[in-house]
C-alpha atoms as a PDB file:
ATOM      1  CA  MET A   1      84.533  89.792  78.966  1.00  0.00           C
ATOM      2  CA  PRO A   2      85.548  92.891  80.926  1.00  0.00           C
ATOM      3  CA  PRO A   3      89.280  93.328  81.544  1.00  0.00           C
ATOM      4  CA  HIS A   4      90.820  92.243  84.816  1.00  0.00           C
ATOM      5  CA  PRO A   5      91.101  95.090  87.336  1.00  0.00           C
ATOM      6  CA  THR A   6      94.609  96.352  86.630  1.00  0.00           C
ATOM      7  CA  PHE A   7      96.719  98.538  88.901  1.00  0.00           C
ATOM      8  CA  LEU A   8     100.021 100.352  89.077  1.00  0.00           C
ATOM      9  CA  MET A   9     101.851 100.223  92.404  1.00  0.00           C
ATOM     10  CA  ALA A  10     105.301 101.573  93.322  1.00  0.00           C
ATOM     11  CA  ASP A  11     107.844  99.589  95.314  1.00  0.00           C
ATOM     12  CA  PRO A  12     108.383 101.017  98.824  1.00  0.00           C
ATOM     13  CA  ALA A  13     112.117 100.242  99.016  1.00  0.00           C
ATOM     14  CA  HIS A  14     112.913 103.965  99.446  1.00  0.00           C
ATOM     15  CA  PHE A  15     109.822 104.946 101.405  1.00  0.00           C
ATOM     16  CA  THR A  16     110.274 107.224 104.389  1.00  0.00           C
ATOM     17  CA  VAL A  17     108.494 110.168 106.003  1.00  0.00           C
ATOM     18  CA  SER A  18     110.956 113.041 105.886  1.00  0.00           C
ATOM     19  CA  TYR A  19     108.923 116.194 105.220  1.00  0.00           C
ATOM     20  CA  GLU A  20     105.472 117.641 105.887  1.00  0.00           C
ATOM     21  CA  ILE A  21     103.164 118.717 103.073  1.00  0.00           C
ATOM     22  CA  ASN A  22      99.885 117.585 104.625  1.00  0.00           C
ATOM     23  CA  PRO A  23      98.588 117.581 108.222  1.00  0.00           C
ATOM     24  CA  TRP A  24      98.976 113.794 108.594  1.00  0.00           C
ATOM     25  CA  MET A  25     102.724 113.637 107.898  1.00  0.00           C
ATOM     26  CA  ARG A  26     104.771 112.733 110.982  1.00  0.00           C
ATOM     27  CA  PRO A  27     108.514 112.615 110.307  1.00  0.00           C
ATOM     28  CA  ALA A  28     109.271 112.366 114.033  1.00  0.00           C
ATOM     29  CA  ALA A  29     107.160 109.222 114.394  1.00  0.00           C
ATOM     30  CA  TRP A  30     108.928 107.658 111.417  1.00  0.00           C
ATOM     31  CA  SER A  31     112.416 108.590 112.592  1.00  0.00           C
ATOM     32  CA  ALA A  32     111.738 107.117 116.050  1.00  0.00           C
ATOM     33  CA  ASP A  33     112.285 103.671 114.496  1.00  0.00           C
ATOM     34  CA  PRO A  34     112.881 103.926 110.748  1.00  0.00           C
ATOM     35  CA  ALA A  35     114.072 100.340 110.312  1.00  0.00           C
ATOM     36  CA  ALA A  36     110.953  98.863 111.923  1.00  0.00           C
ATOM     37  CA  ASN A  37     108.691 101.284 110.077  1.00  0.00           C
ATOM     38  CA  LEU A  38     110.247 100.386 106.728  1.00  0.00           C
ATOM     39  CA  LEU A  39     109.939  96.666 107.495  1.00  0.00           C
ATOM     40  CA  THR A  40     106.252  97.123 108.333  1.00  0.00           C
ATOM     41  CA  ALA A  41     105.744  99.277 105.245  1.00  0.00           C
ATOM     42  CA  ARG A  42     107.211  96.625 102.964  1.00  0.00           C
ATOM     43  CA  ALA A  43     105.002  93.956 104.544  1.00  0.00           C
ATOM     44  CA  GLY A  44     101.919  96.174 104.213  1.00  0.00           C
ATOM     45  CA  TRP A  45     102.697  96.862 100.554  1.00  0.00           C
ATOM     46  CA  ARG A  46     103.064  93.149  99.818  1.00  0.00           C
ATOM     47  CA  ASN A  47      99.840  92.381 101.673  1.00  0.00           C
ATOM     48  CA  LEU A  48      97.936  95.077  99.795  1.00  0.00           C
ATOM     49  CA  LYS A  49      99.231  93.729  96.479  1.00  0.00           C
ATOM     50  CA  ALA A  50      98.251  90.192  97.513  1.00  0.00           C
ATOM     51  CA  ALA A  51      94.763  91.344  98.531  1.00  0.00           C
ATOM     52  CA  LEU A  52      94.204  92.992  95.146  1.00  0.00           C
ATOM     53  CA  GLU A  53      95.440  89.895  93.335  1.00  0.00           C
ATOM     54  CA  ALA A  54      93.252  87.635  95.474  1.00  0.00           C
ATOM     55  CA  ALA A  55      90.275  89.757  94.403  1.00  0.00           C
ATOM     56  CA  GLY A  56      91.121  89.156  90.737  1.00  0.00           C
ATOM     57  CA  GLY A  57      93.381  92.144  90.167  1.00  0.00           C
ATOM     58  CA  VAL A  58      96.564  92.379  88.121  1.00  0.00           C
ATOM     59  CA  VAL A  59      99.330  94.547  89.591  1.00  0.00           C
ATOM     60  CA  HIS A  60     102.170  96.179  87.660  1.00  0.00           C
ATOM     61  CA  ALA A  61     104.936  97.367  89.994  1.00  0.00           C
ATOM     62  CA  MET A  62     107.280 100.243  89.194  1.00  0.00           C
ATOM     63  CA  ALA A  63     110.529 100.848  91.033  1.00  0.00           C
ATOM     64  CA  GLY A  64     110.744 103.266  93.920  1.00  0.00           C
ATOM     65  CA  VAL A  65     113.104 106.225  93.700  1.00  0.00           C
ATOM     66  CA  GLU A  66     115.501 107.340  96.408  1.00  0.00           C
ATOM     67  CA  GLY A  67     114.686 110.856  97.539  1.00  0.00           C
ATOM     68  CA  LEU A  68     111.066 110.643  96.318  1.00  0.00           C
ATOM     69  CA  PRO A  69     109.378 108.744  99.139  1.00  0.00           C
ATOM     70  CA  ASP A  70     105.796 109.589  98.182  1.00  0.00           C
ATOM     71  CA  ILE A  71     106.138 107.924  94.787  1.00  0.00           C
ATOM     72  CA  VAL A  72     104.572 104.943  96.612  1.00  0.00           C
ATOM     73  CA  PHE A  73     101.243 106.777  96.158  1.00  0.00           C
ATOM     74  CA  PRO A  74     100.642 106.429  92.391  1.00  0.00           C
ATOM     75  CA  ALA A  75      96.937 107.255  92.654  1.00  0.00           C
ATOM     76  CA  ASN A  76      98.314 110.760  92.233  1.00  0.00           C
ATOM     77  CA  ALA A  77     100.317 109.820  89.129  1.00  0.00           C
ATOM     78  CA  ALA A  78      97.554 110.280  86.571  1.00  0.00           C
ATOM     79  CA  VAL A  79      93.912 110.130  85.628  1.00  0.00           C
ATOM     80  CA  VAL A  80      93.290 107.033  83.483  1.00  0.00           C
ATOM     81  CA  LEU A  81      90.186 106.177  81.467  1.00  0.00           C
ATOM     82  CA  ASP A  82      89.680 104.276  78.204  1.00  0.00           C
ATOM     83  CA  ARG A  83      93.386 103.365  78.109  1.00  0.00           C
ATOM     84  CA  LYS A  84      94.330 107.069  78.099  1.00  0.00           C
ATOM     85  CA  ALA A  85      96.497 108.464  80.894  1.00  0.00           C
ATOM     86  CA  VAL A  86      96.843 112.154  81.743  1.00  0.00           C
ATOM     87  CA  VAL A  87      99.899 112.509  83.995  1.00  0.00           C
ATOM     88  CA  ALA A  88      99.635 114.808  87.008  1.00  0.00           C
ATOM     89  CA  ARG A  89     101.170 118.180  87.766  1.00  0.00           C
ATOM     90  CA  PHE A  90     102.035 118.379  91.478  1.00  0.00           C
ATOM     91  CA  ARG A  91     101.637 121.513  93.535  1.00  0.00           C
ATOM     92  CA  HIS A  92     104.499 120.834  95.976  1.00  0.00           C
ATOM     93  CA  GLY A  93     108.137 120.676  94.972  1.00  0.00           C
ATOM     94  CA  GLU A  94     108.628 117.644  97.198  1.00  0.00           C
ATOM     95  CA  ARG A  95     106.451 115.635  94.796  1.00  0.00           C
ATOM     96  CA  SER A  96     106.971 117.325  91.424  1.00  0.00           C
ATOM     97  CA  GLY A  97     110.121 115.265  90.927  1.00  0.00           C
ATOM     98  CA  GLU A  98     107.914 112.185  90.679  1.00  0.00           C
ATOM     99  CA  GLU A  99     106.361 113.332  87.403  1.00  0.00           C
ATOM    100  CA  PRO A 100     109.037 112.057  84.948  1.00  0.00           C
ATOM    101  CA  TYR A 101     109.187 108.679  86.715  1.00  0.00           C
ATOM    102  CA  TYR A 102     105.431 108.242  86.512  1.00  0.00           C
ATOM    103  CA  MET A 103     105.554 109.335  82.882  1.00  0.00           C
ATOM    104  CA  ALA A 104     108.231 106.736  82.140  1.00  0.00           C
ATOM    105  CA  ALA A 105     106.337 103.970  83.954  1.00  0.00           C
ATOM    106  CA  LEU A 106     103.089 104.734  82.149  1.00  0.00           C
ATOM    107  CA  ARG A 107     104.841 104.945  78.779  1.00  0.00           C
ATOM    108  CA  ALA A 108     106.361 101.538  79.488  1.00  0.00           C
ATOM    109  CA  LEU A 109     102.857 100.217  80.119  1.00  0.00           C
ATOM    110  CA  ARG A 110     101.745 101.791  76.852  1.00  0.00           C
ATOM    111  CA  ASP A 111     104.569  99.975  75.075  1.00  0.00           C
ATOM    112  CA  GLN A 112     103.381  96.734  76.706  1.00  0.00           C
ATOM    113  CA  GLY A 113      99.860  97.275  75.374  1.00  0.00           C
ATOM    114  CA  VAL A 114      98.244  98.129  78.710  1.00  0.00           C
ATOM    115  CA  LEU A 115      97.579 101.754  77.692  1.00  0.00           C
ATOM    116  CA  ASP A 116      97.155 103.522  74.367  1.00  0.00           C
ATOM    117  CA  GLU A 117      98.003 107.143  75.174  1.00  0.00           C
ATOM    118  CA  VAL A 118     100.092 108.940  77.795  1.00  0.00           C
ATOM    119  CA  ILE A 119     100.219 112.742  77.953  1.00  0.00           C
ATOM    120  CA  GLN A 120     100.782 115.291  80.731  1.00  0.00           C
ATOM    121  CA  ILE A 121      98.272 117.830  81.917  1.00  0.00           C
ATOM    122  CA  GLU A 122      98.987 121.507  81.224  1.00  0.00           C
ATOM    123  CA  GLY A 123      97.688 124.793  82.607  1.00  0.00           C
ATOM    124  CA  CYS A 124      96.886 123.780  86.177  1.00  0.00           C
ATOM    125  CA  TYR A 125      97.833 121.675  89.168  1.00  0.00           C
ATOM    126  CA  GLN A 126      96.035 118.342  89.103  1.00  0.00           C
ATOM    127  CA  GLU A 127      97.044 115.382  91.252  1.00  0.00           C
ATOM    128  CA  GLY A 128      95.696 112.408  89.376  1.00  0.00           C
ATOM    129  CA  ALA A 129      93.030 109.994  90.534  1.00  0.00           C
ATOM    130  CA  GLY A 130      93.477 111.335  94.041  1.00  0.00           C
ATOM    131  CA  ASP A 131      91.323 114.269  92.936  1.00  0.00           C
ATOM    132  CA  CYS A 132      89.474 112.774  89.947  1.00  0.00           C
ATOM    133  CA  ILE A 133      87.617 109.529  90.668  1.00  0.00           C
ATOM    134  CA  TRP A 134      85.685 107.610  88.012  1.00  0.00           C
ATOM    135  CA  ASP A 135      82.228 106.368  89.023  1.00  0.00           C
ATOM    136  CA  ALA A 136      81.568 103.305  86.846  1.00  0.00           C
ATOM    137  CA  ASN A 137      77.879 103.183  87.749  1.00  0.00           C
ATOM    138  CA  ARG A 138      77.015 106.804  87.038  1.00  0.00           C
ATOM    139  CA  ARG A 139      79.471 107.080  84.120  1.00  0.00           C
ATOM    140  CA  LEU A 140      81.033 110.291  85.411  1.00  0.00           C
ATOM    141  CA  PHE A 141      84.048 111.676  87.213  1.00  0.00           C
ATOM    142  CA  TRP A 142      83.829 113.089  90.719  1.00  0.00           C
ATOM    143  CA  VAL A 143      86.538 115.770  90.568  1.00  0.00           C
ATOM    144  CA  ALA A 144      87.875 117.916  93.400  1.00  0.00           C
ATOM    145  CA  SER A 145      89.709 121.166  93.818  1.00  0.00           C
ATOM    146  CA  GLY A 146      91.281 122.373  97.007  1.00  0.00           C
ATOM    147  CA  PRO A 147      94.651 122.069  98.725  1.00  0.00           C
ATOM    148  CA  ARG A 148      96.303 120.319  95.753  1.00  0.00           C
ATOM    149  CA  SER A 149      94.327 120.452  92.490  1.00  0.00           C
ATOM    150  CA  THR A 150      93.178 123.809  91.107  1.00  0.00           C
ATOM    151  CA  PRO A 151      89.629 124.520  89.850  1.00  0.00           C
ATOM    152  CA  GLU A 152      90.900 124.941  86.265  1.00  0.00           C
ATOM    153  CA  SER A 153      91.629 121.203  86.212  1.00  0.00           C
ATOM    154  CA  VAL A 154      87.908 120.361  86.036  1.00  0.00           C
ATOM    155  CA  LYS A 155      87.394 121.825  82.552  1.00  0.00           C
ATOM    156  CA  ILE A 156      90.773 120.658  81.295  1.00  0.00           C
ATOM    157  CA  LEU A 157      89.990 117.054  82.227  1.00  0.00           C
ATOM    158  CA  ALA A 158      86.431 117.333  80.877  1.00  0.00           C
ATOM    159  CA  ASP A 159      87.746 118.575  77.539  1.00  0.00           C
ATOM    160  CA  HIS A 160      90.303 115.782  77.345  1.00  0.00           C
ATOM    161  CA  PHE A 161      88.139 112.833  78.331  1.00  0.00           C
ATOM    162  CA  GLY A 162      84.773 114.097  77.072  1.00  0.00           C
ATOM    163  CA  GLN A 163      83.041 112.835  80.201  1.00  0.00           C
ATOM    164  CA  ALA A 164      80.678 114.427  82.712  1.00  0.00           C
ATOM    165  CA  MET A 165      82.442 115.982  85.702  1.00  0.00           C
ATOM    166  CA  VAL A 166      80.826 116.660  89.076  1.00  0.00           C
ATOM    167  CA  HIS A 167      82.907 119.261  90.915  1.00  0.00           C
ATOM    168  CA  LEU A 168      83.364 118.615  94.638  1.00  0.00           C
ATOM    169  CA  PRO A 169      85.399 121.422  96.265  1.00  0.00           C
ATOM    170  CA  LEU A 170      87.226 120.241  99.383  1.00  0.00           C
ATOM    171  CA  ALA A 171      86.752 121.990 102.722  1.00  0.00           C
ATOM    172  CA  THR A 172      89.852 121.204 104.789  1.00  0.00           C
ATOM    173  CA  ALA A 173      93.616 120.876 104.633  1.00  0.00           C
ATOM    174  CA  GLN A 174      93.400 117.549 106.439  1.00  0.00           C
ATOM    175  CA  TYR A 175      91.447 115.878 103.632  1.00  0.00           C
ATOM    176  CA  TYR A 176      93.658 117.302 100.947  1.00  0.00           C
ATOM    177  CA  HIS A 177      92.702 114.856  98.168  1.00  0.00           C
ATOM    178  CA  LEU A 178      89.222 113.634  97.315  1.00  0.00           C
ATOM    179  CA  ASP A 179      90.297 110.000  97.707  1.00  0.00           C
ATOM    180  CA  THR A 180      90.964 110.552 101.415  1.00  0.00           C
ATOM    181  CA  CYS A 181      87.276 111.262 102.042  1.00  0.00           C
ATOM    182  CA  PHE A 182      85.246 109.860  99.136  1.00  0.00           C
ATOM    183  CA  CYS A 183      84.891 106.357  97.670  1.00  0.00           C
ATOM    184  CA  PRO A 184      82.303 105.159  95.115  1.00  0.00           C
ATOM    185  CA  LEU A 185      81.333 101.529  95.724  1.00  0.00           C
ATOM    186  CA  SER A 186      80.378  98.938  93.134  1.00  0.00           C
ATOM    187  CA  GLY A 187      76.722  98.794  94.187  1.00  0.00           C
ATOM    188  CA  GLY A 188      76.198 102.510  93.613  1.00  0.00           C
ATOM    189  CA  GLU A 189      76.783 103.676  97.188  1.00  0.00           C
ATOM    190  CA  ILE A 190      79.232 106.444  98.069  1.00  0.00           C
ATOM    191  CA  LEU A 191      81.305 106.045 101.235  1.00  0.00           C
ATOM    192  CA  TYR A 192      82.320 109.562 102.259  1.00  0.00           C
ATOM    193  CA  TYR A 193      83.225 111.823 105.172  1.00  0.00           C
ATOM    194  CA  PRO A 194      80.853 114.820 105.068  1.00  0.00           C
ATOM    195  CA  PRO A 195      82.983 117.410 106.955  1.00  0.00           C
ATOM    196  CA  ALA A 196      85.701 117.085 104.296  1.00  0.00           C
ATOM    197  CA  LEU A 197      83.374 118.456 101.601  1.00  0.00           C
ATOM    198  CA  THR A 198      82.147 122.019 101.211  1.00  0.00           C
ATOM    199  CA  GLN A 199      78.443 122.765 101.367  1.00  0.00           C
ATOM    200  CA  ALA A 200      78.428 123.095  97.571  1.00  0.00           C
ATOM    201  CA  ALA A 201      80.105 119.712  97.223  1.00  0.00           C
ATOM    202  CA  ARG A 202      77.595 118.041  99.528  1.00  0.00           C
ATOM    203  CA  ALA A 203      74.750 119.587  97.538  1.00  0.00           C
ATOM    204  CA  ALA A 204      76.231 118.220  94.303  1.00  0.00           C
ATOM    205  CA  LEU A 205      76.591 114.776  95.860  1.00  0.00           C
ATOM    206  CA  HIS A 206      72.957 114.822  96.967  1.00  0.00           C
ATOM    207  CA  GLU A 207      71.882 115.727  93.434  1.00  0.00           C
ATOM    208  CA  TYR A 208      73.413 112.527  92.048  1.00  0.00           C
ATOM    209  CA  THR A 209      72.612 110.093  94.864  1.00  0.00           C
ATOM    210  CA  THR A 210      69.686 108.883  96.921  1.00  0.00           C
ATOM    211  CA  PRO A 211      69.848 108.878 100.735  1.00  0.00           C
ATOM    212  CA  ASP A 212      70.289 105.100 100.799  1.00  0.00           C
ATOM    213  CA  GLN A 213      73.316 105.399  98.514  1.00  0.00           C
ATOM    214  CA  ARG A 214      75.147 107.789 100.855  1.00  0.00           C
ATOM    215  CA  ILE A 215      77.185 106.014 103.547  1.00  0.00           C
ATOM    216  CA  GLU A 216      78.570 108.592 105.962  1.00  0.00           C
ATOM    217  CA  ALA A 217      81.928 107.672 107.462  1.00  0.00           C
ATOM    218  CA  SER A 218      82.669 108.701 111.029  1.00  0.00           C
ATOM    219  CA  ALA A 219      85.680 110.757 112.067  1.00  0.00           C
ATOM    220  CA  GLU A 220      87.223 107.513 113.349  1.00  0.00           C
ATOM    221  CA  ASP A 221      86.716 105.844 109.961  1.00  0.00           C
ATOM    222  CA  ALA A 222      88.243 108.763 108.071  1.00  0.00           C
ATOM    223  CA  GLU A 223      91.200 109.125 110.435  1.00  0.00           C
ATOM    224  CA  ALA A 224      91.918 105.405 109.978  1.00  0.00           C
ATOM    225  CA  PHE A 225      92.141 106.045 106.188  1.00  0.00           C
ATOM    226  CA  CYS A 226      89.306 103.583 105.577  1.00  0.00           C
ATOM    227  CA  VAL A 227      87.495 105.856 103.137  1.00  0.00           C
ATOM    228  CA  ASN A 228      90.701 105.705 101.074  1.00  0.00           C
ATOM    229  CA  ALA A 229      89.702 102.251  99.847  1.00  0.00           C
ATOM    230  CA  VAL A 230      89.732 100.096  96.712  1.00  0.00           C
ATOM    231  CA  CYS A 231      86.411  98.496  95.758  1.00  0.00           C
ATOM    232  CA  LEU A 232      86.512  95.441  93.478  1.00  0.00           C
ATOM    233  CA  GLU A 233      83.041  94.033  92.904  1.00  0.00           C
ATOM    234  CA  ARG A 234      81.832  93.114  96.401  1.00  0.00           C
ATOM    235  CA  LYS A 235      85.269  93.298  98.063  1.00  0.00           C
ATOM    236  CA  ILE A 236      86.543  96.501  99.640  1.00  0.00           C
ATOM    237  CA  VAL A 237      90.263  96.596 100.417  1.00  0.00           C
ATOM    238  CA  MET A 238      91.225  99.231 102.999  1.00  0.00           C
ATOM    239  CA  ALA A 239      93.508 100.027 105.896  1.00  0.00           C
ATOM    240  CA  THR A 240      92.545  98.104 109.038  1.00  0.00           C
ATOM    241  CA  PRO A 241      88.973  99.306 109.707  1.00  0.00           C
ATOM    242  CA  PRO A 242      87.100 100.070 112.917  1.00  0.00           C
ATOM    243  CA  ALA A 243      84.744  97.204 113.695  1.00  0.00           C
ATOM    244  CA  ALA A 244      81.640  99.355 113.306  1.00  0.00           C
ATOM    245  CA  LEU A 245      82.515 100.364 109.749  1.00  0.00           C
ATOM    246  CA  ALA A 246      83.327  96.790 108.740  1.00  0.00           C
ATOM    247  CA  GLU A 247      79.955  95.711 110.144  1.00  0.00           C
ATOM    248  CA  ARG A 248      78.040  98.430 108.299  1.00  0.00           C
ATOM    249  CA  LEU A 249      79.630  97.501 104.981  1.00  0.00           C
ATOM    250  CA  THR A 250      79.140  93.783 105.596  1.00  0.00           C
ATOM    251  CA  GLU A 251      75.451  94.437 106.145  1.00  0.00           C
ATOM    252  CA  ARG A 252      75.424  96.040 102.692  1.00  0.00           C
ATOM    253  CA  GLY A 253      76.758  92.808 101.183  1.00  0.00           C
ATOM    254  CA  TYR A 254      80.431  93.743 100.926  1.00  0.00           C
ATOM    255  CA  GLU A 255      83.431  91.742 102.090  1.00  0.00           C
ATOM    256  CA  VAL A 256      85.881  94.041 103.863  1.00  0.00           C
ATOM    257  CA  VAL A 257      89.560  93.165 103.572  1.00  0.00           C
ATOM    258  CA  GLY A 258      91.707  95.060 106.077  1.00  0.00           C
ATOM    259  CA  VAL A 259      95.456  95.566 105.609  1.00  0.00           C
ATOM    260  CA  ASP A 260      97.907  97.085 108.096  1.00  0.00           C
ATOM    261  CA  LEU A 261      99.073 100.249 106.333  1.00  0.00           C
ATOM    262  CA  ALA A 262     100.101 102.206 109.437  1.00  0.00           C
ATOM    263  CA  PRO A 263     103.510 103.375 108.100  1.00  0.00           C
ATOM    264  CA  PHE A 264     101.900 104.844 104.991  1.00  0.00           C
ATOM    265  CA  MET A 265      99.317 106.615 107.113  1.00  0.00           C
ATOM    266  CA  LEU A 266     102.228 108.493 108.712  1.00  0.00           C
ATOM    267  CA  SER A 267     102.570 110.123 105.283  1.00  0.00           C
ATOM    268  CA  GLY A 268      98.839 110.662 104.785  1.00  0.00           C
ATOM    269  CA  GLY A 269      97.960 107.740 102.511  1.00  0.00           C
ATOM    270  CA  GLY A 270      96.000 104.491 102.476  1.00  0.00           C
ATOM    271  CA  ALA A 271      95.011 101.695 100.104  1.00  0.00           C
ATOM    272  CA  PHE A 272      93.563 103.830  97.287  1.00  0.00           C
ATOM    273  CA  CYS A 273      96.540 106.215  97.401  1.00  0.00           C
ATOM    274  CA  MET A 274      98.893 103.272  96.905  1.00  0.00           C
ATOM    275  CA  THR A 275      97.246 102.153  93.656  1.00  0.00           C
ATOM    276  CA  LEU A 276      96.393 103.591  90.256  1.00  0.00           C
ATOM    277  CA  ARG A 277      93.587 101.810  88.390  1.00  0.00           C
ATOM    278  CA  LEU A 278      94.523 101.351  84.728  1.00  0.00           C
ATOM    279  CA  ASP A 279      91.626  99.438  83.131  1.00  0.00           C
ATOM    280  CA  LEU A 280      88.630 101.740  83.693  1.00  0.00           C
ATOM    281  CA  LEU A 281      86.310 102.161  80.700  1.00  0.00           C
ATOM    282  CA  SER A 282      83.647 104.764  79.951  1.00  0.00           C
ATOM    283  CA  THR A 283      81.456 102.187  78.212  1.00  0.00           C
ATOM    284  CA  PRO A 284      79.450  99.865  80.453  1.00  0.00           C
ATOM    285  CA  ALA A 285      81.195  96.621  81.349  1.00  0.00           C
ATOM    286  CA  ALA A 286      79.435  93.381  82.128  1.00  0.00           C
ATOM    287  CA  ALA A 287      80.952  93.276  85.615  1.00  0.00           C
ATOM    288  CA  THR A 288      79.587  96.712  86.591  1.00  0.00           C
ATOM    289  CA  LEU A 289      76.764  96.392  89.104  1.00  0.00           C
ATOM    290  CA  PRO A 290      73.571  98.406  88.528  1.00  0.00           C
ATOM    291  CA  LEU A 291      72.696 101.295  90.782  1.00  0.00           C
ATOM    292  CA  GLU A 292      69.524  99.434  91.806  1.00  0.00           C
ATOM    293  CA  ALA A 293      71.737  97.009  93.714  1.00  0.00           C
ATOM    294  CA  ALA A 294      72.178  99.727  96.348  1.00  0.00           C
ATOM    295  CA  ALA A 295      68.451  99.994  96.981  1.00  0.00           C
END
């Protein structure tokens, strides 16, 4: 049997929006009512965790850290495949302090038997699964460079994991991580926002997908952080979606589960950002759906 979908999340007890390192971050909106925003953030975090568990997931929660508010986005903590974790190197000083805490949390999971190996990347900036997303159907990584991760990270990750890498350079500061604009789905489709990708990235995507497998998100969908989603079999967990997107995905046979993540969006993150998948395997698993399911 394939393993249960397993995730790392980080408690939002110390979450706030107090600086700006991406175009979405709005400290003024947070500080207008920090108590209410924190209350809503805690509820959203609990609801996201519950949605993942209801879909069959197992969630390991690490503690938050005062002064490191964005530690609630552990998708950026590491790239994980085959029980091996490569811990990120952050570009911005506001987030680099998260690295030892992520390292400690992942080593604790190794000691519990969830992981086998935990190392840290060297020689480049690379911000975890936010810029390196495993596609279980195609058996490859979609890996980005741009505002956060440097191009050197592509070869470094390829050498470490021994897996195919499709490089998708990002086009804008607004979509600063690949996970904000790109989401492989279990049936082989890719939900993505085309303007966030360079022409070269779009050409690479077209090389590996058929037209029916490409689901183009609208600007409204992307701005609602709905492309930043977690797909578990036929369920897609995302920030509260526009009705049109939910309908399009439902027509494809998916069940869309919306969660109010508005406070986290004030920092530039959604459902995928708030999770790090720990159980992904490079060998085919029985639960993986064939690409033909998208046709």
